[in-house]
Amino acid sequence: MKKTQKSIIISILFTSNNVVYSLTDFSGNVLFWTSTGSKKSRGVKKSTSMIVTSTSKIIADYSLKLGYSYAHIKVKGFGKNKKTAIKSLKLTSLKILTLCDQTALPHNGCKKTRTRRI
């Protein structure tokens, strides 16, 4: 089976308790996913840099096993190990084409309603 597309999208979601990785193609089909919690690490250990780098290497190895050599990375959420995850993906033999941070930031939100005075 010969693939015509050699690039893939790696989405990394940093939540308050977990880090979720997913491999998708350009159609949006999820090919593989993993998280730090699925690697038998519980509690505070899920957010350590060692676990984040090991799961990043797992997802990079799986994408190379599928035959993809180029990657687009999408990062979402707040986490202290965001740079660590990106660095560990750079150290693999995957070639990173784009890096996009999709974290939603509120710009002070909606205006409060005025209190009614009688």
PDB file of N, CA and C in Angstrom:
ATOM      1  N   MET A   1       0.833  -1.174   0.000  1.00  0.00           N
ATOM      2  CA  MET A   1       0.000   0.000   0.000  1.00  0.00           C
ATOM      3  C   MET A   1       0.881   1.243   0.000  1.00  0.00           C
ATOM      4  N   LYS A   2       0.764   2.051  -1.049  1.00  0.00           N
ATOM      5  CA  LYS A   2       1.587   3.237  -1.169  1.00  0.00           C
ATOM      6  C   LYS A   2       0.768   4.464  -0.811  1.00  0.00           C
ATOM      7  N   LYS A   3       1.303   5.283   0.083  1.00  0.00           N
ATOM      8  CA  LYS A   3       0.600   6.490   0.504  1.00  0.00           C
ATOM      9  C   LYS A   3       1.045   7.654  -0.369  1.00  0.00           C
ATOM     10  N   THR A   4       0.075   8.460  -0.801  1.00  0.00           N
ATOM     11  CA  THR A   4       0.418   9.645  -1.580  1.00  0.00           C
ATOM     12  C   THR A   4       0.665  10.832  -0.663  1.00  0.00           C
ATOM     13  N   GLN A   5      -0.033  10.909   0.466  1.00  0.00           N
ATOM     14  CA  GLN A   5       0.193  11.978   1.429  1.00  0.00           C
ATOM     15  C   GLN A   5       1.159  11.498   2.497  1.00  0.00           C
ATOM     16  N   LYS A   6       2.198  12.270   2.741  1.00  0.00           N
ATOM     17  CA  LYS A   6       3.178  11.883   3.732  1.00  0.00           C
ATOM     18  C   LYS A   6       3.144  12.779   4.959  1.00  0.00           C
ATOM     19  N   SER A   7       2.109  13.613   5.098  1.00  0.00           N
ATOM     20  CA  SER A   7       2.036  14.471   6.281  1.00  0.00           C
ATOM     21  C   SER A   7       0.799  14.141   7.105  1.00  0.00           C
ATOM     22  N   ILE A   8       0.873  14.443   8.382  1.00  0.00           N
ATOM     23  CA  ILE A   8      -0.145  14.062   9.347  1.00  0.00           C
ATOM     24  C   ILE A   8      -0.311  15.211  10.334  1.00  0.00           C
ATOM     25  N   ILE A   9      -1.440  15.243  11.027  1.00  0.00           N
ATOM     26  CA  ILE A   9      -1.693  16.277  12.029  1.00  0.00           C
ATOM     27  C   ILE A   9      -1.609  15.637  13.413  1.00  0.00           C
ATOM     28  N   ILE A  10      -0.762  16.197  14.277  1.00  0.00           N
ATOM     29  CA  ILE A  10      -0.645  15.744  15.660  1.00  0.00           C
ATOM     30  C   ILE A  10      -1.282  16.815  16.533  1.00  0.00           C
ATOM     31  N   SER A  11      -2.364  16.455  17.223  1.00  0.00           N
ATOM     32  CA  SER A  11      -3.044  17.397  18.112  1.00  0.00           C
ATOM     33  C   SER A  11      -2.709  17.038  19.554  1.00  0.00           C
ATOM     34  N   ILE A  12      -2.294  18.045  20.318  1.00  0.00           N
ATOM     35  CA  ILE A  12      -1.940  17.844  21.725  1.00  0.00           C
ATOM     36  C   ILE A  12      -2.848  18.736  22.559  1.00  0.00           C
ATOM     37  N   LEU A  13      -3.618  18.129  23.450  1.00  0.00           N
ATOM     38  CA  LEU A  13      -4.542  18.857  24.311  1.00  0.00           C
ATOM     39  C   LEU A  13      -4.070  18.755  25.751  1.00  0.00           C
ATOM     40  N   PHE A  14      -3.741  19.905  26.337  1.00  0.00           N
ATOM     41  CA  PHE A  14      -3.310  19.961  27.731  1.00  0.00           C
ATOM     42  C   PHE A  14      -4.504  20.344  28.587  1.00  0.00           C
ATOM     43  N   THR A  15      -4.998  19.415  29.394  1.00  0.00           N
ATOM     44  CA  THR A  15      -6.067  19.724  30.339  1.00  0.00           C
ATOM     45  C   THR A  15      -5.437  19.899  31.718  1.00  0.00           C
ATOM     46  N   SER A  16      -6.262  20.182  32.701  1.00  0.00           N
ATOM     47  CA  SER A  16      -5.718  20.402  34.039  1.00  0.00           C
ATOM     48  C   SER A  16      -5.189  19.112  34.654  1.00  0.00           C
ATOM     49  N   ASN A  17      -5.719  17.967  34.248  1.00  0.00           N
ATOM     50  CA  ASN A  17      -5.312  16.701  34.846  1.00  0.00           C
ATOM     51  C   ASN A  17      -4.579  15.771  33.896  1.00  0.00           C
ATOM     52  N   ASN A  18      -4.617  16.008  32.586  1.00  0.00           N
ATOM     53  CA  ASN A  18      -4.129  15.021  31.638  1.00  0.00           C
ATOM     54  C   ASN A  18      -3.582  15.708  30.399  1.00  0.00           C
ATOM     55  N   VAL A  19      -2.846  14.966  29.591  1.00  0.00           N
ATOM     56  CA  VAL A  19      -2.369  15.422  28.286  1.00  0.00           C
ATOM     57  C   VAL A  19      -2.803  14.377  27.273  1.00  0.00           C
ATOM     58  N   VAL A  20      -3.575  14.800  26.246  1.00  0.00           N
ATOM     59  CA  VAL A  20      -4.141  13.881  25.269  1.00  0.00           C
ATOM     60  C   VAL A  20      -3.507  14.159  23.912  1.00  0.00           C
ATOM     61  N   TYR A  21      -2.977  13.108  23.267  1.00  0.00           N
ATOM     62  CA  TYR A  21      -2.364  13.203  21.949  1.00  0.00           C
ATOM     63  C   TYR A  21      -3.266  12.477  20.955  1.00  0.00           C
ATOM     64  N   SER A  22      -3.392  13.015  19.739  1.00  0.00           N
ATOM     65  CA  SER A  22      -4.142  12.302  18.700  1.00  0.00           C
ATOM     66  C   SER A  22      -3.488  12.526  17.349  1.00  0.00           C
ATOM     67  N   LEU A  23      -3.459  11.464  16.559  1.00  0.00           N
ATOM     68  CA  LEU A  23      -2.963  11.507  15.182  1.00  0.00           C
ATOM     69  C   LEU A  23      -4.154  11.515  14.251  1.00  0.00           C
ATOM     70  N   THR A  24      -4.258  12.527  13.389  1.00  0.00           N
ATOM     71  CA  THR A  24      -5.347  12.574  12.428  1.00  0.00           C
ATOM     72  C   THR A  24      -4.781  12.842  11.044  1.00  0.00           C
ATOM     73  N   ASP A  25      -5.522  12.373  10.034  1.00  0.00           N
ATOM     74  CA  ASP A  25      -5.157  12.735   8.674  1.00  0.00           C
ATOM     75  C   ASP A  25      -5.890  14.027   8.310  1.00  0.00           C
ATOM     76  N   PHE A  26      -5.722  14.478   7.078  1.00  0.00           N
ATOM     77  CA  PHE A  26      -6.316  15.754   6.690  1.00  0.00           C
ATOM     78  C   PHE A  26      -7.826  15.679   6.522  1.00  0.00           C
ATOM     79  N   SER A  27      -8.392  14.492   6.449  1.00  0.00           N
ATOM     80  CA  SER A  27      -9.843  14.346   6.395  1.00  0.00           C
ATOM     81  C   SER A  27     -10.474  14.458   7.777  1.00  0.00           C
ATOM     82  N   GLY A  28      -9.686  14.348   8.830  1.00  0.00           N
ATOM     83  CA  GLY A  28     -10.189  14.429  10.187  1.00  0.00           C
ATOM     84  C   GLY A  28     -10.370  13.078  10.837  1.00  0.00           C
ATOM     85  N   ASN A  29      -9.955  12.023  10.171  1.00  0.00           N
ATOM     86  CA  ASN A  29     -10.076  10.676  10.735  1.00  0.00           C
ATOM     87  C   ASN A  29      -8.967  10.449  11.756  1.00  0.00           C
ATOM     88  N   VAL A  30      -9.344  10.017  12.951  1.00  0.00           N
ATOM     89  CA  VAL A  30      -8.363   9.740  13.996  1.00  0.00           C
ATOM     90  C   VAL A  30      -7.738   8.378  13.726  1.00  0.00           C
ATOM     91  N   LEU A  31      -6.408   8.368  13.558  1.00  0.00           N
ATOM     92  CA  LEU A  31      -5.698   7.129  13.275  1.00  0.00           C
ATOM     93  C   LEU A  31      -5.184   6.464  14.552  1.00  0.00           C
ATOM     94  N   PHE A  32      -4.802   7.293  15.523  1.00  0.00           N
ATOM     95  CA  PHE A  32      -4.243   6.776  16.771  1.00  0.00           C
ATOM     96  C   PHE A  32      -4.356   7.866  17.824  1.00  0.00           C
ATOM     97  N   TRP A  33      -4.591   7.474  19.063  1.00  0.00           N
ATOM     98  CA  TRP A  33      -4.596   8.448  20.155  1.00  0.00           C
ATOM     99  C   TRP A  33      -3.993   7.801  21.386  1.00  0.00           C
ATOM    100  N   THR A  34      -3.457   8.624  22.247  1.00  0.00           N
ATOM    101  CA  THR A  34      -2.922   8.169  23.514  1.00  0.00           C
ATOM    102  C   THR A  34      -2.952   9.339  24.493  1.00  0.00           C
ATOM    103  N   SER A  35      -2.798   9.023  25.756  1.00  0.00           N
ATOM    104  CA  SER A  35      -2.758  10.070  26.771  1.00  0.00           C
ATOM    105  C   SER A  35      -1.774   9.667  27.857  1.00  0.00           C
ATOM    106  N   THR A  36      -1.432  10.627  28.696  1.00  0.00           N
ATOM    107  CA  THR A  36      -0.508  10.301  29.783  1.00  0.00           C
ATOM    108  C   THR A  36      -1.181   9.421  30.826  1.00  0.00           C
ATOM    109  N   GLY A  37      -2.495   9.512  30.955  1.00  0.00           N
ATOM    110  CA  GLY A  37      -3.217   8.666  31.899  1.00  0.00           C
ATOM    111  C   GLY A  37      -3.330   7.233  31.449  1.00  0.00           C
ATOM    112  N   SER A  38      -3.285   6.989  30.125  1.00  0.00           N
ATOM    113  CA  SER A  38      -3.381   5.618  29.637  1.00  0.00           C
ATOM    114  C   SER A  38      -2.071   4.858  29.764  1.00  0.00           C
ATOM    115  N   LYS A  39      -1.015   5.539  30.187  1.00  0.00           N
ATOM    116  CA  LYS A  39       0.289   4.890  30.366  1.00  0.00           C
ATOM    117  C   LYS A  39       0.525   4.464  31.808  1.00  0.00           C
ATOM    118  N   LYS A  40      -0.566   4.178  32.529  1.00  0.00           N
ATOM    119  CA  LYS A  40      -0.533   3.686  33.908  1.00  0.00           C
ATOM    120  C   LYS A  40       0.086   4.677  34.892  1.00  0.00           C
ATOM    121  N   SER A  41       0.035   5.959  34.587  1.00  0.00           N
ATOM    122  CA  SER A  41       0.495   6.962  35.544  1.00  0.00           C
ATOM    123  C   SER A  41      -0.724   7.680  36.094  1.00  0.00           C
ATOM    124  N   ARG A  42      -0.769   7.822  37.389  1.00  0.00           N
ATOM    125  CA  ARG A  42      -1.949   8.369  38.042  1.00  0.00           C
ATOM    126  C   ARG A  42      -1.586   9.604  38.850  1.00  0.00           C
ATOM    127  N   GLY A  43      -2.548  10.499  39.019  1.00  0.00           N
ATOM    128  CA  GLY A  43      -2.393  11.654  39.900  1.00  0.00           C
ATOM    129  C   GLY A  43      -1.445  12.697  39.337  1.00  0.00           C
ATOM    130  N   VAL A  44      -0.554  13.189  40.198  1.00  0.00           N
ATOM    131  CA  VAL A  44       0.367  14.263  39.842  1.00  0.00           C
ATOM    132  C   VAL A  44       1.414  13.783  38.838  1.00  0.00           C
ATOM    133  N   LYS A  45       1.674  12.482  38.804  1.00  0.00           N
ATOM    134  CA  LYS A  45       2.694  11.941  37.904  1.00  0.00           C
ATOM    135  C   LYS A  45       2.345  12.131  36.435  1.00  0.00           C
ATOM    136  N   LYS A  46       1.056  12.344  36.119  1.00  0.00           N
ATOM    137  CA  LYS A  46       0.644  12.503  34.723  1.00  0.00           C
ATOM    138  C   LYS A  46       1.189  13.780  34.102  1.00  0.00           C
ATOM    139  N   SER A  47       1.506  14.779  34.930  1.00  0.00           N
ATOM    140  CA  SER A  47       1.956  16.051  34.381  1.00  0.00           C
ATOM    141  C   SER A  47       3.461  16.241  34.489  1.00  0.00           C
ATOM    142  N   THR A  48       4.217  15.198  34.798  1.00  0.00           N
ATOM    143  CA  THR A  48       5.664  15.334  34.853  1.00  0.00           C
ATOM    144  C   THR A  48       6.243  15.340  33.447  1.00  0.00           C
ATOM    145  N   SER A  49       7.415  15.937  33.313  1.00  0.00           N
ATOM    146  CA  SER A  49       8.018  16.081  31.987  1.00  0.00           C
ATOM    147  C   SER A  49       8.474  14.742  31.420  1.00  0.00           C
ATOM    148  N   MET A  50       8.832  13.795  32.284  1.00  0.00           N
ATOM    149  CA  MET A  50       9.286  12.490  31.818  1.00  0.00           C
ATOM    150  C   MET A  50       8.149  11.723  31.139  1.00  0.00           C
ATOM    151  N   ILE A  51       6.957  11.746  31.714  1.00  0.00           N
ATOM    152  CA  ILE A  51       5.811  11.052  31.125  1.00  0.00           C
ATOM    153  C   ILE A  51       5.379  11.729  29.834  1.00  0.00           C
ATOM    154  N   VAL A  52       5.434  13.073  29.803  1.00  0.00           N
ATOM    155  CA  VAL A  52       5.034  13.813  28.599  1.00  0.00           C
ATOM    156  C   VAL A  52       5.980  13.512  27.448  1.00  0.00           C
ATOM    157  N   THR A  53       7.282  13.450  27.711  1.00  0.00           N
ATOM    158  CA  THR A  53       8.232  13.140  26.641  1.00  0.00           C
ATOM    159  C   THR A  53       8.086  11.701  26.155  1.00  0.00           C
ATOM    160  N   SER A  54       7.807  10.776  27.060  1.00  0.00           N
ATOM    161  CA  SER A  54       7.676   9.379  26.635  1.00  0.00           C
ATOM    162  C   SER A  54       6.435   9.178  25.763  1.00  0.00           C
ATOM    163  N   THR A  55       5.328   9.840  26.098  1.00  0.00           N
ATOM    164  CA  THR A  55       4.134   9.702  25.257  1.00  0.00           C
ATOM    165  C   THR A  55       4.307  10.431  23.929  1.00  0.00           C
ATOM    166  N   SER A  56       5.085  11.527  23.910  1.00  0.00           N
ATOM    167  CA  SER A  56       5.374  12.205  22.646  1.00  0.00           C
ATOM    168  C   SER A  56       6.188  11.304  21.721  1.00  0.00           C
ATOM    169  N   LYS A  57       7.139  10.588  22.301  1.00  0.00           N
ATOM    170  CA  LYS A  57       7.942   9.666  21.492  1.00  0.00           C
ATOM    171  C   LYS A  57       7.107   8.495  20.993  1.00  0.00           C
ATOM    172  N   ILE A  58       6.149   8.050  21.793  1.00  0.00           N
ATOM    173  CA  ILE A  58       5.272   6.950  21.370  1.00  0.00           C
ATOM    174  C   ILE A  58       4.449   7.368  20.158  1.00  0.00           C
ATOM    175  N   ILE A  59       3.887   8.588  20.206  1.00  0.00           N
ATOM    176  CA  ILE A  59       3.044   9.042  19.104  1.00  0.00           C
ATOM    177  C   ILE A  59       3.878   9.304  17.855  1.00  0.00           C
ATOM    178  N   ALA A  60       5.116   9.768  18.020  1.00  0.00           N
ATOM    179  CA  ALA A  60       5.990   9.995  16.870  1.00  0.00           C
ATOM    180  C   ALA A  60       6.409   8.668  16.234  1.00  0.00           C
ATOM    181  N   ASP A  61       6.719   7.684  17.043  1.00  0.00           N
ATOM    182  CA  ASP A  61       7.098   6.366  16.520  1.00  0.00           C
ATOM    183  C   ASP A  61       5.944   5.706  15.782  1.00  0.00           C
ATOM    184  N   TYR A  62       4.727   5.876  16.299  1.00  0.00           N
ATOM    185  CA  TYR A  62       3.568   5.283  15.631  1.00  0.00           C
ATOM    186  C   TYR A  62       3.296   5.954  14.294  1.00  0.00           C
ATOM    187  N   SER A  63       3.486   7.270  14.214  1.00  0.00           N
ATOM    188  CA  SER A  63       3.263   7.956  12.938  1.00  0.00           C
ATOM    189  C   SER A  63       4.321   7.564  11.914  1.00  0.00           C
ATOM    190  N   LEU A  64       5.549   7.329  12.359  1.00  0.00           N
ATOM    191  CA  LEU A  64       6.580   6.850  11.439  1.00  0.00           C
ATOM    192  C   LEU A  64       6.298   5.422  11.001  1.00  0.00           C
ATOM    193  N   LYS A  65       5.717   4.623  11.900  1.00  0.00           N
ATOM    194  CA  LYS A  65       5.366   3.248  11.552  1.00  0.00           C
ATOM    195  C   LYS A  65       4.251   3.210  10.508  1.00  0.00           C
ATOM    196  N   LEU A  66       3.343   4.206  10.570  1.00  0.00           N
ATOM    197  CA  LEU A  66       2.279   4.296   9.567  1.00  0.00           C
ATOM    198  C   LEU A  66       2.792   4.767   8.206  1.00  0.00           C
ATOM    199  N   GLY A  67       3.975   5.369   8.170  1.00  0.00           N
ATOM    200  CA  GLY A  67       4.560   5.809   6.914  1.00  0.00           C
ATOM    201  C   GLY A  67       4.530   7.305   6.710  1.00  0.00           C
ATOM    202  N   TYR A  68       4.203   8.051   7.727  1.00  0.00           N
ATOM    203  CA  TYR A  68       4.180   9.513   7.619  1.00  0.00           C
ATOM    204  C   TYR A  68       5.501  10.072   8.120  1.00  0.00           C
ATOM    205  N   SER A  69       6.073  11.005   7.348  1.00  0.00           N
ATOM    206  CA  SER A  69       7.360  11.569   7.755  1.00  0.00           C
ATOM    207  C   SER A  69       7.276  13.055   8.077  1.00  0.00           C
ATOM    208  N   TYR A  70       6.193  13.719   7.683  1.00  0.00           N
ATOM    209  CA  TYR A  70       6.012  15.142   7.969  1.00  0.00           C
ATOM    210  C   TYR A  70       4.816  15.321   8.893  1.00  0.00           C
ATOM    211  N   ALA A  71       4.888  16.347   9.755  1.00  0.00           N
ATOM    212  CA  ALA A  71       3.822  16.530  10.741  1.00  0.00           C
ATOM    213  C   ALA A  71       3.469  18.006  10.889  1.00  0.00           C
ATOM    214  N   HIS A  72       2.180  18.252  11.065  1.00  0.00           N
ATOM    215  CA  HIS A  72       1.659  19.541  11.481  1.00  0.00           C
ATOM    216  C   HIS A  72       1.229  19.374  12.931  1.00  0.00           C
ATOM    217  N   ILE A  73       1.664  20.268  13.823  1.00  0.00           N
ATOM    218  CA  ILE A  73       1.377  20.122  15.242  1.00  0.00           C
ATOM    219  C   ILE A  73       0.408  21.204  15.677  1.00  0.00           C
ATOM    220  N   LYS A  74      -0.676  20.792  16.358  1.00  0.00           N
ATOM    221  CA  LYS A  74      -1.633  21.723  16.942  1.00  0.00           C
ATOM    222  C   LYS A  74      -1.624  21.519  18.446  1.00  0.00           C
ATOM    223  N   VAL A  75      -1.401  22.605  19.194  1.00  0.00           N
ATOM    224  CA  VAL A  75      -1.313  22.545  20.644  1.00  0.00           C
ATOM    225  C   VAL A  75      -2.456  23.372  21.213  1.00  0.00           C
ATOM    226  N   LYS A  76      -3.128  22.833  22.227  1.00  0.00           N
ATOM    227  CA  LYS A  76      -4.257  23.532  22.826  1.00  0.00           C
ATOM    228  C   LYS A  76      -4.239  23.337  24.331  1.00  0.00           C
ATOM    229  N   GLY A  77      -4.494  24.411  25.066  1.00  0.00           N
ATOM    230  CA  GLY A  77      -4.591  24.325  26.514  1.00  0.00           C
ATOM    231  C   GLY A  77      -3.385  24.912  27.218  1.00  0.00           C
ATOM    232  N   PHE A  78      -3.474  24.951  28.538  1.00  0.00           N
ATOM    233  CA  PHE A  78      -2.416  25.500  29.363  1.00  0.00           C
ATOM    234  C   PHE A  78      -1.721  24.362  30.084  1.00  0.00           C
ATOM    235  N   GLY A  79      -0.405  24.365  30.011  1.00  0.00           N
ATOM    236  CA  GLY A  79       0.358  23.331  30.693  1.00  0.00           C
ATOM    237  C   GLY A  79       1.799  23.748  30.837  1.00  0.00           C
ATOM    238  N   LYS A  80       2.412  23.322  31.939  1.00  0.00           N
ATOM    239  CA  LYS A  80       3.799  23.720  32.156  1.00  0.00           C
ATOM    240  C   LYS A  80       4.767  22.911  31.295  1.00  0.00           C
ATOM    241  N   ASN A  81       4.315  21.819  30.722  1.00  0.00           N
ATOM    242  CA  ASN A  81       5.178  20.967  29.907  1.00  0.00           C
ATOM    243  C   ASN A  81       4.878  21.094  28.414  1.00  0.00           C
ATOM    244  N   LYS A  82       4.319  22.210  27.996  1.00  0.00           N
ATOM    245  CA  LYS A  82       3.990  22.404  26.586  1.00  0.00           C
ATOM    246  C   LYS A  82       5.254  22.443  25.730  1.00  0.00           C
ATOM    247  N   LYS A  83       6.261  23.166  26.201  1.00  0.00           N
ATOM    248  CA  LYS A  83       7.528  23.250  25.458  1.00  0.00           C
ATOM    249  C   LYS A  83       8.260  21.917  25.462  1.00  0.00           C
ATOM    250  N   THR A  84       8.131  21.173  26.545  1.00  0.00           N
ATOM    251  CA  THR A  84       8.787  19.872  26.647  1.00  0.00           C
ATOM    252  C   THR A  84       8.229  18.896  25.624  1.00  0.00           C
ATOM    253  N   ALA A  85       6.907  18.922  25.428  1.00  0.00           N
ATOM    254  CA  ALA A  85       6.276  18.022  24.455  1.00  0.00           C
ATOM    255  C   ALA A  85       6.711  18.362  23.039  1.00  0.00           C
ATOM    256  N   ILE A  86       6.804  19.649  22.735  1.00  0.00           N
ATOM    257  CA  ILE A  86       7.209  20.064  21.388  1.00  0.00           C
ATOM    258  C   ILE A  86       8.674  19.733  21.139  1.00  0.00           C
ATOM    259  N   LYS A  87       9.518  19.937  22.158  1.00  0.00           N
ATOM    260  CA  LYS A  87      10.940  19.611  22.011  1.00  0.00           C
ATOM    261  C   LYS A  87      11.162  18.134  21.783  1.00  0.00           C
ATOM    262  N   SER A  88      10.403  17.296  22.479  1.00  0.00           N
ATOM    263  CA  SER A  88      10.575  15.852  22.311  1.00  0.00           C
ATOM    264  C   SER A  88      10.103  15.400  20.932  1.00  0.00           C
ATOM    265  N   LEU A  89       9.106  16.091  20.347  1.00  0.00           N
ATOM    266  CA  LEU A  89       8.698  15.766  18.978  1.00  0.00           C
ATOM    267  C   LEU A  89       9.739  16.238  17.968  1.00  0.00           C
ATOM    268  N   LYS A  90      10.439  17.335  18.277  1.00  0.00           N
ATOM    269  CA  LYS A  90      11.490  17.823  17.376  1.00  0.00           C
ATOM    270  C   LYS A  90      12.687  16.881  17.346  1.00  0.00           C
ATOM    271  N   LEU A  91      12.949  16.209  18.473  1.00  0.00           N
ATOM    272  CA  LEU A  91      14.118  15.333  18.563  1.00  0.00           C
ATOM    273  C   LEU A  91      13.938  14.023  17.808  1.00  0.00           C
ATOM    274  N   THR A  92      12.697  13.686  17.453  1.00  0.00           N
ATOM    275  CA  THR A  92      12.466  12.466  16.684  1.00  0.00           C
ATOM    276  C   THR A  92      12.776  12.730  15.216  1.00  0.00           C
ATOM    277  N   SER A  93      12.659  11.716  14.391  1.00  0.00           N
ATOM    278  CA  SER A  93      12.973  11.875  12.966  1.00  0.00           C
ATOM    279  C   SER A  93      11.802  12.437  12.168  1.00  0.00           C
ATOM    280  N   LEU A  94      10.713  12.825  12.846  1.00  0.00           N
ATOM    281  CA  LEU A  94       9.611  13.513  12.167  1.00  0.00           C
ATOM    282  C   LEU A  94      10.043  14.925  11.780  1.00  0.00           C
ATOM    283  N   LYS A  95       9.633  15.349  10.613  1.00  0.00           N
ATOM    284  CA  LYS A  95       9.919  16.711  10.179  1.00  0.00           C
ATOM    285  C   LYS A  95       8.675  17.559  10.422  1.00  0.00           C
ATOM    286  N   ILE A  96       8.800  18.583  11.261  1.00  0.00           N
ATOM    287  CA  ILE A  96       7.665  19.417  11.645  1.00  0.00           C
ATOM    288  C   ILE A  96       7.514  20.544  10.636  1.00  0.00           C
ATOM    289  N   LEU A  97       6.333  20.610  10.008  1.00  0.00           N
ATOM    290  CA  LEU A  97       6.066  21.644   9.015  1.00  0.00           C
ATOM    291  C   LEU A  97       5.502  22.901   9.658  1.00  0.00           C
ATOM    292  N   THR A  98       4.453  22.756  10.462  1.00  0.00           N
ATOM    293  CA  THR A  98       3.860  23.912  11.121  1.00  0.00           C
ATOM    294  C   THR A  98       3.616  23.598  12.590  1.00  0.00           C
ATOM    295  N   LEU A  99       3.579  24.666  13.375  1.00  0.00           N
ATOM    296  CA  LEU A  99       3.274  24.565  14.794  1.00  0.00           C
ATOM    297  C   LEU A  99       2.247  25.636  15.106  1.00  0.00           C
ATOM    298  N   CYS A 100       1.062  25.207  15.574  1.00  0.00           N
ATOM    299  CA  CYS A 100      -0.047  26.130  15.784  1.00  0.00           C
ATOM    300  C   CYS A 100      -0.541  26.002  17.220  1.00  0.00           C
ATOM    301  N   ASP A 101      -0.626  27.134  17.915  1.00  0.00           N
ATOM    302  CA  ASP A 101      -1.159  27.157  19.272  1.00  0.00           C
ATOM    303  C   ASP A 101      -2.590  27.658  19.205  1.00  0.00           C
ATOM    304  N   GLN A 102      -3.545  26.814  19.574  1.00  0.00           N
ATOM    305  CA  GLN A 102      -4.964  27.137  19.450  1.00  0.00           C
ATOM    306  C   GLN A 102      -5.622  27.389  20.800  1.00  0.00           C
ATOM    307  N   THR A 103      -4.847  27.831  21.791  1.00  0.00           N
ATOM    308  CA  THR A 103      -5.392  28.087  23.116  1.00  0.00           C
ATOM    309  C   THR A 103      -6.314  29.297  23.067  1.00  0.00           C
ATOM    310  N   ALA A 104      -7.535  29.128  23.577  1.00  0.00           N
ATOM    311  CA  ALA A 104      -8.509  30.212  23.572  1.00  0.00           C
ATOM    312  C   ALA A 104      -8.272  31.110  24.786  1.00  0.00           C
ATOM    313  N   LEU A 105      -8.087  32.404  24.521  1.00  0.00           N
ATOM    314  CA  LEU A 105      -7.880  33.360  25.597  1.00  0.00           C
ATOM    315  C   LEU A 105      -9.052  34.318  25.652  1.00  0.00           C
ATOM    316  N   PRO A 106      -9.675  34.502  26.807  1.00  0.00           N
ATOM    317  CA  PRO A 106     -10.753  35.479  26.895  1.00  0.00           C
ATOM    318  C   PRO A 106     -10.190  36.893  26.912  1.00  0.00           C
ATOM    319  N   HIS A 107     -10.801  37.782  26.164  1.00  0.00           N
ATOM    320  CA  HIS A 107     -10.404  39.181  26.158  1.00  0.00           C
ATOM    321  C   HIS A 107     -11.387  39.971  27.008  1.00  0.00           C
ATOM    322  N   ASN A 108     -11.470  39.627  28.266  1.00  0.00           N
ATOM    323  CA  ASN A 108     -12.296  40.233  29.299  1.00  0.00           C
ATOM    324  C   ASN A 108     -13.779  39.919  29.158  1.00  0.00           C
ATOM    325  N   GLY A 109     -14.202  39.123  28.215  1.00  0.00           N
ATOM    326  CA  GLY A 109     -15.560  38.599  28.153  1.00  0.00           C
ATOM    327  C   GLY A 109     -16.634  39.623  27.851  1.00  0.00           C
ATOM    328  N   CYS A 110     -17.872  39.287  28.185  1.00  0.00           N
ATOM    329  CA  CYS A 110     -19.020  40.145  27.929  1.00  0.00           C
ATOM    330  C   CYS A 110     -19.126  41.224  29.005  1.00  0.00           C
ATOM    331  N   LYS A 111     -19.813  42.275  28.651  1.00  0.00           N
ATOM    332  CA  LYS A 111     -20.023  43.373  29.598  1.00  0.00           C
ATOM    333  C   LYS A 111     -21.134  42.984  30.575  1.00  0.00           C
ATOM    334  N   LYS A 112     -20.956  43.327  31.854  1.00  0.00           N
ATOM    335  CA  LYS A 112     -21.964  43.007  32.861  1.00  0.00           C
ATOM    336  C   LYS A 112     -23.198  43.864  32.647  1.00  0.00           C
ATOM    337  N   THR A 113     -24.354  43.297  33.011  1.00  0.00           N
ATOM    338  CA  THR A 113     -25.592  44.054  32.869  1.00  0.00           C
ATOM    339  C   THR A 113     -25.670  45.128  33.948  1.00  0.00           C
ATOM    340  N   ARG A 114     -26.254  46.240  33.593  1.00  0.00           N
ATOM    341  CA  ARG A 114     -26.353  47.367  34.513  1.00  0.00           C
ATOM    342  C   ARG A 114     -27.389  47.067  35.582  1.00  0.00           C
ATOM    343  N   THR A 115     -27.096  47.408  36.833  1.00  0.00           N
ATOM    344  CA  THR A 115     -28.042  47.178  37.906  1.00  0.00           C
ATOM    345  C   THR A 115     -29.176  48.204  37.817  1.00  0.00           C
ATOM    346  N   ARG A 116     -30.383  47.746  38.023  1.00  0.00           N
ATOM    347  CA  ARG A 116     -31.564  48.590  37.889  1.00  0.00           C
ATOM    348  C   ARG A 116     -31.813  49.339  39.198  1.00  0.00           C
ATOM    349  N   ARG A 117     -31.962  50.648  39.118  1.00  0.00           N
ATOM    350  CA  ARG A 117     -32.225  51.463  40.325  1.00  0.00           C
ATOM    351  C   ARG A 117     -33.632  52.027  40.263  1.00  0.00           C
ATOM    352  N   ILE A 118     -34.357  51.860  41.320  1.00  0.00           N
ATOM    353  CA  ILE A 118     -35.753  52.363  41.358  1.00  0.00           C
ATOM    354  C   ILE A 118     -35.848  53.506  42.344  1.00  0.00           C
TER     355      ILE A 118
END
